[in-house]
C-alpha atoms as a PDB file:
ATOM      1  CA  MET A   1     103.286  51.938 101.543  1.00  0.00           C
ATOM      2  CA  ALA A   2      99.675  52.193 100.547  1.00  0.00           C
ATOM      3  CA  PHE A   3      98.188  55.393  99.014  1.00  0.00           C
ATOM      4  CA  PHE A   4      94.502  56.116  99.074  1.00  0.00           C
ATOM      5  CA  THR A   5      93.027  58.629  96.643  1.00  0.00           C
ATOM      6  CA  GLY A   6      90.473  61.143  98.070  1.00  0.00           C
ATOM      7  CA  CYS A   7      88.247  63.855  96.719  1.00  0.00           C
ATOM      8  CA  GLN A   8      87.519  67.028  98.783  1.00  0.00           C
ATOM      9  CA  THR A   9      83.932  67.576  97.718  1.00  0.00           C
ATOM     10  CA  ILE A  10      84.250  71.383  97.954  1.00  0.00           C
ATOM     11  CA  THR A  11      84.360  71.343  94.186  1.00  0.00           C
ATOM     12  CA  PHE A  12      80.595  70.695  94.070  1.00  0.00           C
ATOM     13  CA  GLY A  13      79.633  73.636  96.184  1.00  0.00           C
ATOM     14  CA  ASP A  14      77.073  73.874  98.961  1.00  0.00           C
ATOM     15  CA  THR A  15      73.777  73.113  97.292  1.00  0.00           C
ATOM     16  CA  PRO A  16      74.375  69.541  96.123  1.00  0.00           C
ATOM     17  CA  HIS A  17      75.570  68.528  99.587  1.00  0.00           C
ATOM     18  CA  LYS A  18      72.363  69.625 101.122  1.00  0.00           C
ATOM     19  CA  GLU A  19      69.813  68.747  98.355  1.00  0.00           C
ATOM     20  CA  ASN A  20      71.332  65.707  96.617  1.00  0.00           C
ATOM     21  CA  ILE A  21      74.525  64.453  98.228  1.00  0.00           C
ATOM     22  CA  GLU A  22      74.147  61.068  96.466  1.00  0.00           C
ATOM     23  CA  SER A  23      74.886  62.847  93.208  1.00  0.00           C
ATOM     24  CA  VAL A  24      78.211  64.045  94.762  1.00  0.00           C
ATOM     25  CA  PHE A  25      79.074  60.498  95.838  1.00  0.00           C
ATOM     26  CA  ASP A  26      78.096  59.140  92.428  1.00  0.00           C
ATOM     27  CA  ALA A  27      80.461  61.544  90.682  1.00  0.00           C
ATOM     28  CA  VAL A  28      83.328  60.800  93.128  1.00  0.00           C
ATOM     29  CA  SER A  29      82.782  56.993  92.624  1.00  0.00           C
ATOM     30  CA  ALA A  30      82.577  57.341  88.914  1.00  0.00           C
ATOM     31  CA  ALA A  31      85.814  59.215  88.866  1.00  0.00           C
ATOM     32  CA  GLY A  32      87.612  56.349  90.532  1.00  0.00           C
ATOM     33  CA  PHE A  33      88.493  57.793  93.923  1.00  0.00           C
ATOM     34  CA  ASP A  34      88.833  55.640  97.012  1.00  0.00           C
ATOM     35  CA  GLY A  35      87.009  58.081  99.310  1.00  0.00           C
ATOM     36  CA  VAL A  36      85.786  61.570 100.189  1.00  0.00           C
ATOM     37  CA  GLU A  37      86.729  64.387 102.450  1.00  0.00           C
ATOM     38  CA  MET A  38      83.765  66.649 103.386  1.00  0.00           C
ATOM     39  CA  GLY A  39      83.210  69.919 105.139  1.00  0.00           C
ATOM     40  CA  PHE A  40      81.375  69.559 108.383  1.00  0.00           C
ATOM     41  CA  PHE A  41      79.322  72.702 107.795  1.00  0.00           C
ATOM     42  CA  ARG A  42      77.854  71.185 104.620  1.00  0.00           C
ATOM     43  CA  LEU A  43      76.604  68.104 106.398  1.00  0.00           C
ATOM     44  CA  ASP A  44      73.732  67.122 108.713  1.00  0.00           C
ATOM     45  CA  PRO A  45      75.387  65.806 111.903  1.00  0.00           C
ATOM     46  CA  GLU A  46      72.362  63.619 112.468  1.00  0.00           C
ATOM     47  CA  LYS A  47      72.668  61.732 109.248  1.00  0.00           C
ATOM     48  CA  GLY A  48      76.059  59.979 109.892  1.00  0.00           C
ATOM     49  CA  LEU A  49      74.597  56.476 109.488  1.00  0.00           C
ATOM     50  CA  GLU A  50      72.815  57.464 106.298  1.00  0.00           C
ATOM     51  CA  TYR A  51      76.020  58.904 104.809  1.00  0.00           C
ATOM     52  CA  ARG A  52      77.825  55.669 105.697  1.00  0.00           C
ATOM     53  CA  LYS A  53      75.249  53.576 103.854  1.00  0.00           C
ATOM     54  CA  MET A  54      75.559  55.837 100.791  1.00  0.00           C
ATOM     55  CA  LEU A  55      79.316  55.598 100.840  1.00  0.00           C
ATOM     56  CA  ASP A  56      79.329  51.863 101.421  1.00  0.00           C
ATOM     57  CA  ALA A  57      76.967  51.332  98.526  1.00  0.00           C
ATOM     58  CA  ARG A  58      79.573  53.061  96.315  1.00  0.00           C
ATOM     59  CA  LYS A  59      82.597  51.358  97.903  1.00  0.00           C
ATOM     60  CA  LEU A  60      83.836  54.757  99.087  1.00  0.00           C
ATOM     61  CA  GLN A  61      85.636  55.444 102.376  1.00  0.00           C
ATOM     62  CA  LEU A  62      85.600  58.616 104.481  1.00  0.00           C
ATOM     63  CA  ALA A  63      89.033  60.126 104.320  1.00  0.00           C
ATOM     64  CA  ALA A  64      88.186  62.900 106.748  1.00  0.00           C
ATOM     65  CA  ILE A  65      85.653  65.465 107.965  1.00  0.00           C
ATOM     66  CA  HIS A  66      87.023  68.975 107.580  1.00  0.00           C
ATOM     67  CA  VAL A  67      86.307  71.780 110.129  1.00  0.00           C
ATOM     68  CA  GLY A  68      87.431  75.269 109.283  1.00  0.00           C
ATOM     69  CA  GLY A  69      88.376  78.209 111.282  1.00  0.00           C
ATOM     70  CA  ASN A  70      84.760  78.692 112.263  1.00  0.00           C
ATOM     71  CA  ILE A  71      85.159  76.075 114.979  1.00  0.00           C
ATOM     72  CA  LEU A  72      87.293  78.552 116.798  1.00  0.00           C
ATOM     73  CA  ASP A  73      84.883  81.475 116.363  1.00  0.00           C
ATOM     74  CA  LEU A  74      82.235  80.216 118.757  1.00  0.00           C
ATOM     75  CA  ASP A  75      81.543  82.216 121.865  1.00  0.00           C
ATOM     76  CA  SER A  76      83.224  79.981 124.447  1.00  0.00           C
ATOM     77  CA  GLN A  77      85.604  77.107 124.848  1.00  0.00           C
ATOM     78  CA  ASN A  78      82.684  74.977 126.069  1.00  0.00           C
ATOM     79  CA  ALA A  79      80.720  75.668 122.869  1.00  0.00           C
ATOM     80  CA  GLN A  80      83.763  74.697 120.790  1.00  0.00           C
ATOM     81  CA  MET A  81      84.030  71.378 122.547  1.00  0.00           C
ATOM     82  CA  ASP A  82      80.367  70.755 122.157  1.00  0.00           C
ATOM     83  CA  ASN A  83      80.729  71.416 118.432  1.00  0.00           C
ATOM     84  CA  LEU A  84      83.732  69.072 118.366  1.00  0.00           C
ATOM     85  CA  ASP A  85      81.765  66.292 119.894  1.00  0.00           C
ATOM     86  CA  LEU A  86      79.298  66.484 116.942  1.00  0.00           C
ATOM     87  CA  VAL A  87      82.268  66.288 114.510  1.00  0.00           C
ATOM     88  CA  ILE A  88      83.738  63.325 116.312  1.00  0.00           C
ATOM     89  CA  ARG A  89      80.419  61.471 116.442  1.00  0.00           C
ATOM     90  CA  LEU A  90      79.867  62.136 112.749  1.00  0.00           C
ATOM     91  CA  VAL A  91      83.271  60.707 111.791  1.00  0.00           C
ATOM     92  CA  GLN A  92      82.778  57.649 113.939  1.00  0.00           C
ATOM     93  CA  GLN A  93      79.289  57.001 112.554  1.00  0.00           C
ATOM     94  CA  ILE A  94      80.429  57.254 108.977  1.00  0.00           C
ATOM     95  CA  GLY A  95      83.425  54.949 109.787  1.00  0.00           C
ATOM     96  CA  GLY A  96      86.318  57.345 109.400  1.00  0.00           C
ATOM     97  CA  SER A  97      89.343  58.060 111.541  1.00  0.00           C
ATOM     98  CA  GLN A  98      90.468  61.605 110.623  1.00  0.00           C
ATOM     99  CA  VAL A  99      89.494  65.142 111.417  1.00  0.00           C
ATOM    100  CA  PHE A 100      91.132  67.772 109.258  1.00  0.00           C
ATOM    101  CA  LEU A 101      91.289  71.308 110.724  1.00  0.00           C
ATOM    102  CA  SER A 102      92.163  74.647 109.111  1.00  0.00           C
ATOM    103  CA  GLY A 103      92.473  78.021 110.728  1.00  0.00           C
ATOM    104  CA  ASN A 104      92.486  81.692 109.864  1.00  0.00           C
ATOM    105  CA  ARG A 105      95.291  84.240 109.664  1.00  0.00           C
ATOM    106  CA  VAL A 106      95.929  85.268 113.283  1.00  0.00           C
ATOM    107  CA  GLU A 107      98.201  87.504 115.286  1.00  0.00           C
ATOM    108  CA  SER A 108      99.323  84.868 117.641  1.00  0.00           C
ATOM    109  CA  TYR A 109      99.936  81.348 116.342  1.00  0.00           C
ATOM    110  CA  LYS A 110     101.267  80.405 119.798  1.00  0.00           C
ATOM    111  CA  ASP A 111      97.762  81.076 121.353  1.00  0.00           C
ATOM    112  CA  GLN A 112      96.111  79.276 118.481  1.00  0.00           C
ATOM    113  CA  ALA A 113      98.326  76.275 118.897  1.00  0.00           C
ATOM    114  CA  ALA A 114      97.391  75.924 122.566  1.00  0.00           C
ATOM    115  CA  ARG A 115      93.711  75.769 121.632  1.00  0.00           C
ATOM    116  CA  TYR A 116      94.395  73.267 118.820  1.00  0.00           C
ATOM    117  CA  ASP A 117      96.297  71.090 121.217  1.00  0.00           C
ATOM    118  CA  GLU A 118      93.233  70.823 123.423  1.00  0.00           C
ATOM    119  CA  LEU A 119      91.169  69.868 120.373  1.00  0.00           C
ATOM    120  CA  GLY A 120      93.776  67.316 119.412  1.00  0.00           C
ATOM    121  CA  LYS A 121      93.577  65.671 122.844  1.00  0.00           C
ATOM    122  CA  ARG A 122      89.823  65.380 122.530  1.00  0.00           C
ATOM    123  CA  VAL A 123      90.072  63.847 119.033  1.00  0.00           C
ATOM    124  CA  GLU A 124      92.820  61.528 120.152  1.00  0.00           C
ATOM    125  CA  ALA A 125      90.780  60.355 123.150  1.00  0.00           C
ATOM    126  CA  ALA A 126      88.033  59.386 120.747  1.00  0.00           C
ATOM    127  CA  GLY A 127      90.427  57.177 118.854  1.00  0.00           C
ATOM    128  CA  LEU A 128      90.769  59.607 115.956  1.00  0.00           C
ATOM    129  CA  THR A 129      93.576  61.708 114.500  1.00  0.00           C
ATOM    130  CA  LEU A 130      93.503  65.543 114.124  1.00  0.00           C
ATOM    131  CA  CYS A 131      95.443  66.877 111.221  1.00  0.00           C
ATOM    132  CA  TYR A 132      96.138  70.512 110.424  1.00  0.00           C
ATOM    133  CA  HIS A 133      95.468  71.703 106.890  1.00  0.00           C
ATOM    134  CA  ASN A 134      97.462  74.803 106.018  1.00  0.00           C
ATOM    135  CA  HIS A 135      96.728  77.776 103.769  1.00  0.00           C
ATOM    136  CA  GLU A 136      99.296  80.167 102.359  1.00  0.00           C
ATOM    137  CA  TRP A 137      99.527  82.357 105.534  1.00  0.00           C
ATOM    138  CA  GLU A 138     101.055  79.680 107.686  1.00  0.00           C
ATOM    139  CA  ILE A 139     103.719  79.210 105.038  1.00  0.00           C
ATOM    140  CA  GLU A 140     104.820  82.841 104.597  1.00  0.00           C
ATOM    141  CA  ASP A 141     108.163  83.838 106.156  1.00  0.00           C
ATOM    142  CA  ASN A 142     109.575  80.342 105.632  1.00  0.00           C
ATOM    143  CA  CYS A 143     106.750  78.460 107.351  1.00  0.00           C
ATOM    144  CA  ALA A 144     106.909  80.634 110.456  1.00  0.00           C
ATOM    145  CA  GLY A 145     103.233  80.130 111.383  1.00  0.00           C
ATOM    146  CA  LEU A 146     103.240  76.425 110.668  1.00  0.00           C
ATOM    147  CA  ASP A 147     106.337  75.956 112.871  1.00  0.00           C
ATOM    148  CA  MET A 148     104.624  77.701 115.802  1.00  0.00           C
ATOM    149  CA  LEU A 149     101.387  75.702 115.370  1.00  0.00           C
ATOM    150  CA  LEU A 150     103.144  72.313 115.246  1.00  0.00           C
ATOM    151  CA  GLU A 151     105.444  73.219 118.134  1.00  0.00           C
ATOM    152  CA  GLY A 152     102.530  74.195 120.376  1.00  0.00           C
ATOM    153  CA  ALA A 153     100.117  71.513 119.329  1.00  0.00           C
ATOM    154  CA  LYS A 154     101.784  68.218 119.975  1.00  0.00           C
ATOM    155  CA  HIS A 155      98.505  66.233 119.649  1.00  0.00           C
ATOM    156  CA  MET A 156      98.056  67.466 116.062  1.00  0.00           C
ATOM    157  CA  SER A 157      99.441  66.009 112.887  1.00  0.00           C
ATOM    158  CA  LEU A 158      99.744  67.644 109.466  1.00  0.00           C
ATOM    159  CA  VAL A 159      97.824  67.210 106.257  1.00  0.00           C
ATOM    160  CA  LEU A 160      99.958  69.420 104.013  1.00  0.00           C
ATOM    161  CA  ASP A 161      98.238  71.304 101.180  1.00  0.00           C
ATOM    162  CA  VAL A 162     101.105  71.519  98.687  1.00  0.00           C
ATOM    163  CA  GLY A 163      99.214  73.944  96.502  1.00  0.00           C
ATOM    164  CA  TRP A 164      98.981  76.502  99.283  1.00  0.00           C
ATOM    165  CA  VAL A 165     102.597  75.845 100.217  1.00  0.00           C
ATOM    166  CA  ASN A 166     103.506  76.938  96.738  1.00  0.00           C
ATOM    167  CA  GLN A 167     101.290  80.026  97.010  1.00  0.00           C
ATOM    168  CA  GLY A 168     102.876  80.857 100.334  1.00  0.00           C
ATOM    169  CA  GLY A 169     106.309  81.184  98.658  1.00  0.00           C
ATOM    170  CA  CYS A 170     107.957  77.804  99.632  1.00  0.00           C
ATOM    171  CA  ASP A 171     109.000  74.754  97.709  1.00  0.00           C
ATOM    172  CA  PRO A 172     106.408  72.017  98.273  1.00  0.00           C
ATOM    173  CA  VAL A 173     108.991  69.225  97.864  1.00  0.00           C
ATOM    174  CA  LYS A 174     111.295  70.747 100.461  1.00  0.00           C
ATOM    175  CA  VAL A 175     108.428  71.386 102.879  1.00  0.00           C
ATOM    176  CA  VAL A 176     107.174  67.822 102.539  1.00  0.00           C
ATOM    177  CA  LYS A 177     110.604  66.573 103.458  1.00  0.00           C
ATOM    178  CA  ASP A 178     111.136  69.034 106.227  1.00  0.00           C
ATOM    179  CA  TYR A 179     107.949  68.111 108.008  1.00  0.00           C
ATOM    180  CA  ALA A 180     108.060  64.343 107.308  1.00  0.00           C
ATOM    181  CA  GLU A 181     107.690  63.368 110.987  1.00  0.00           C
ATOM    182  CA  ARG A 182     104.486  65.283 111.435  1.00  0.00           C
ATOM    183  CA  LEU A 183     103.061  64.661 107.981  1.00  0.00           C
ATOM    184  CA  ARG A 184     100.158  62.152 107.790  1.00  0.00           C
ATOM    185  CA  HIS A 185      98.421  62.996 104.535  1.00  0.00           C
ATOM    186  CA  VAL A 186      98.701  65.487 101.612  1.00  0.00           C
ATOM    187  CA  HIS A 187      96.253  67.702  99.696  1.00  0.00           C
ATOM    188  CA  PHE A 188      96.928  68.221  96.009  1.00  0.00           C
ATOM    189  CA  LYS A 189      95.662  71.642  95.025  1.00  0.00           C
ATOM    190  CA  GLU A 190      96.570  73.183  91.648  1.00  0.00           C
ATOM    191  CA  PHE A 191      97.048  76.829  90.800  1.00  0.00           C
ATOM    192  CA  THR A 192      97.613  78.621  87.560  1.00  0.00           C
ATOM    193  CA  ALA A 193     100.426  81.207  87.220  1.00  0.00           C
ATOM    194  CA  ASP A 194      97.954  83.992  87.932  1.00  0.00           C
ATOM    195  CA  GLY A 195      96.633  82.339  91.079  1.00  0.00           C
ATOM    196  CA  GLY A 196      93.498  80.649  89.773  1.00  0.00           C
ATOM    197  CA  PHE A 197      92.284  77.233  90.765  1.00  0.00           C
ATOM    198  CA  ALA A 198      92.695  74.541  88.181  1.00  0.00           C
ATOM    199  CA  GLU A 199      92.703  70.791  87.443  1.00  0.00           C
ATOM    200  CA  LEU A 200      95.728  68.880  88.667  1.00  0.00           C
ATOM    201  CA  GLY A 201      98.610  68.842  86.257  1.00  0.00           C
ATOM    202  CA  THR A 202      97.493  71.935  84.351  1.00  0.00           C
ATOM    203  CA  GLY A 203      99.208  74.546  86.512  1.00  0.00           C
ATOM    204  CA  ILE A 204     102.454  75.306  88.283  1.00  0.00           C
ATOM    205  CA  VAL A 205     102.624  72.956  91.273  1.00  0.00           C
ATOM    206  CA  ASP A 206     105.265  70.218  91.285  1.00  0.00           C
ATOM    207  CA  PHE A 207     103.108  67.268  92.234  1.00  0.00           C
ATOM    208  CA  LYS A 208     105.517  64.764  90.761  1.00  0.00           C
ATOM    209  CA  GLY A 209     108.256  66.040  92.941  1.00  0.00           C
ATOM    210  CA  VAL A 210     105.941  65.821  96.043  1.00  0.00           C
ATOM    211  CA  TYR A 211     104.994  62.267  95.159  1.00  0.00           C
ATOM    212  CA  ASP A 212     108.604  61.235  94.671  1.00  0.00           C
ATOM    213  CA  ALA A 213     109.302  62.705  98.133  1.00  0.00           C
ATOM    214  CA  ILE A 214     106.625  60.642  99.881  1.00  0.00           C
ATOM    215  CA  LYS A 215     106.427  57.420  97.856  1.00  0.00           C
ATOM    216  CA  SER A 216     108.975  55.522  99.965  1.00  0.00           C
ATOM    217  CA  ARG A 217     107.142  56.167 103.260  1.00  0.00           C
ATOM    218  CA  ASN A 218     106.143  53.059 105.236  1.00  0.00           C
ATOM    219  CA  ASP A 219     102.755  54.355 106.471  1.00  0.00           C
ATOM    220  CA  ASN A 220      99.363  54.604 104.756  1.00  0.00           C
ATOM    221  CA  MET A 221      98.570  58.011 103.296  1.00  0.00           C
ATOM    222  CA  TRP A 222      95.668  59.793 101.685  1.00  0.00           C
ATOM    223  CA  ILE A 223      96.374  61.931  98.651  1.00  0.00           C
ATOM    224  CA  VAL A 224      93.327  64.210  98.512  1.00  0.00           C
ATOM    225  CA  ALA A 225      92.465  66.348  95.465  1.00  0.00           C
ATOM    226  CA  GLU A 226      91.023  69.661  96.445  1.00  0.00           C
ATOM    227  CA  GLN A 227      89.812  72.034  93.707  1.00  0.00           C
ATOM    228  CA  ASP A 228      87.895  74.981  95.191  1.00  0.00           C
ATOM    229  CA  GLN A 229      86.328  76.109  91.971  1.00  0.00           C
ATOM    230  CA  SER A 230      85.725  74.583  88.517  1.00  0.00           C
ATOM    231  CA  LYS A 231      85.083  76.200  85.189  1.00  0.00           C
ATOM    232  CA  LYS A 232      84.223  72.959  83.366  1.00  0.00           C
ATOM    233  CA  GLY A 233      81.823  71.475  85.859  1.00  0.00           C
ATOM    234  CA  ALA A 234      82.527  69.716  89.125  1.00  0.00           C
ATOM    235  CA  ALA A 235      82.127  66.145  87.882  1.00  0.00           C
ATOM    236  CA  ALA A 236      84.546  66.714  84.918  1.00  0.00           C
ATOM    237  CA  SER A 237      87.158  68.403  87.069  1.00  0.00           C
ATOM    238  CA  VAL A 238      86.907  65.617  89.721  1.00  0.00           C
ATOM    239  CA  LYS A 239      87.392  63.005  87.019  1.00  0.00           C
ATOM    240  CA  ASP A 240      90.411  64.819  85.633  1.00  0.00           C
ATOM    241  CA  ASN A 241      91.930  65.100  89.093  1.00  0.00           C
ATOM    242  CA  ALA A 242      91.395  61.407  89.831  1.00  0.00           C
ATOM    243  CA  ASP A 243      92.984  60.477  86.507  1.00  0.00           C
ATOM    244  CA  PHE A 244      96.009  62.603  87.287  1.00  0.00           C
ATOM    245  CA  ILE A 245      96.683  61.143  90.742  1.00  0.00           C
ATOM    246  CA  LYS A 246      96.155  57.629  89.491  1.00  0.00           C
ATOM    247  CA  GLY A 247      98.628  58.369  86.678  1.00  0.00           C
ATOM    248  CA  LEU A 248     101.277  59.384  89.224  1.00  0.00           C
ATOM    249  CA  LEU A 249     100.694  56.222  91.240  1.00  0.00           C
ATOM    250  CA  ALA A 250     100.813  54.045  88.271  1.00  0.00           C
ATOM    251  CA  LYS A 251     104.275  55.309  87.316  1.00  0.00           C
ATOM    252  CA  GLY A 252     105.572  54.409  90.777  1.00  0.00           C
END
């Protein structure tokens, strides 16, 4: 089993990505992460080869490009597929293999799953993997939404956000075990008791239990730190999160 440590660069906000993305990569590298996960809407799809050079220079990998629910809000299925082509090309140019997808709260997860399955087929045909990233709403009612999504989207794997699992009212350790067959990667997101975002290990999520549940797997897995907001500064939070994950891995 090999674990790779990743940083979701959401912590830095929109402006650094567009005006000085090298500063983001510098901070992630200095923190000691193996790679980055980045939101598609924060990137220029025409700069994939430039991003790759920047990452290579810092010995960073691309864990994934993330696309949010907005990819499903376009006017037509054709437009969605056109947008997905840009995502796929960007991942390929940077040298990655994963597309992470998250959705919105919806009335029909069954209908959403059918659309995601089509996206998954397109991603798979390009030699990449589509993984679904949950929020709390798919976890409510004992993972009812997540069950419907995974049942209807056979060409989609799971990158489980254990922080949102906790917020959705389920035990992250149990959910990791229950969905082991579809699980490809995990997101570590920390919450305080009052629902605020925080550095890993400073809140209420049982990350050690999650790690103990996955450490015996035989496949390679990304553990991606995702802190949506930081009160102490993005670079400092990212460093704390890297140290926490590396501490878990060191204990074995």
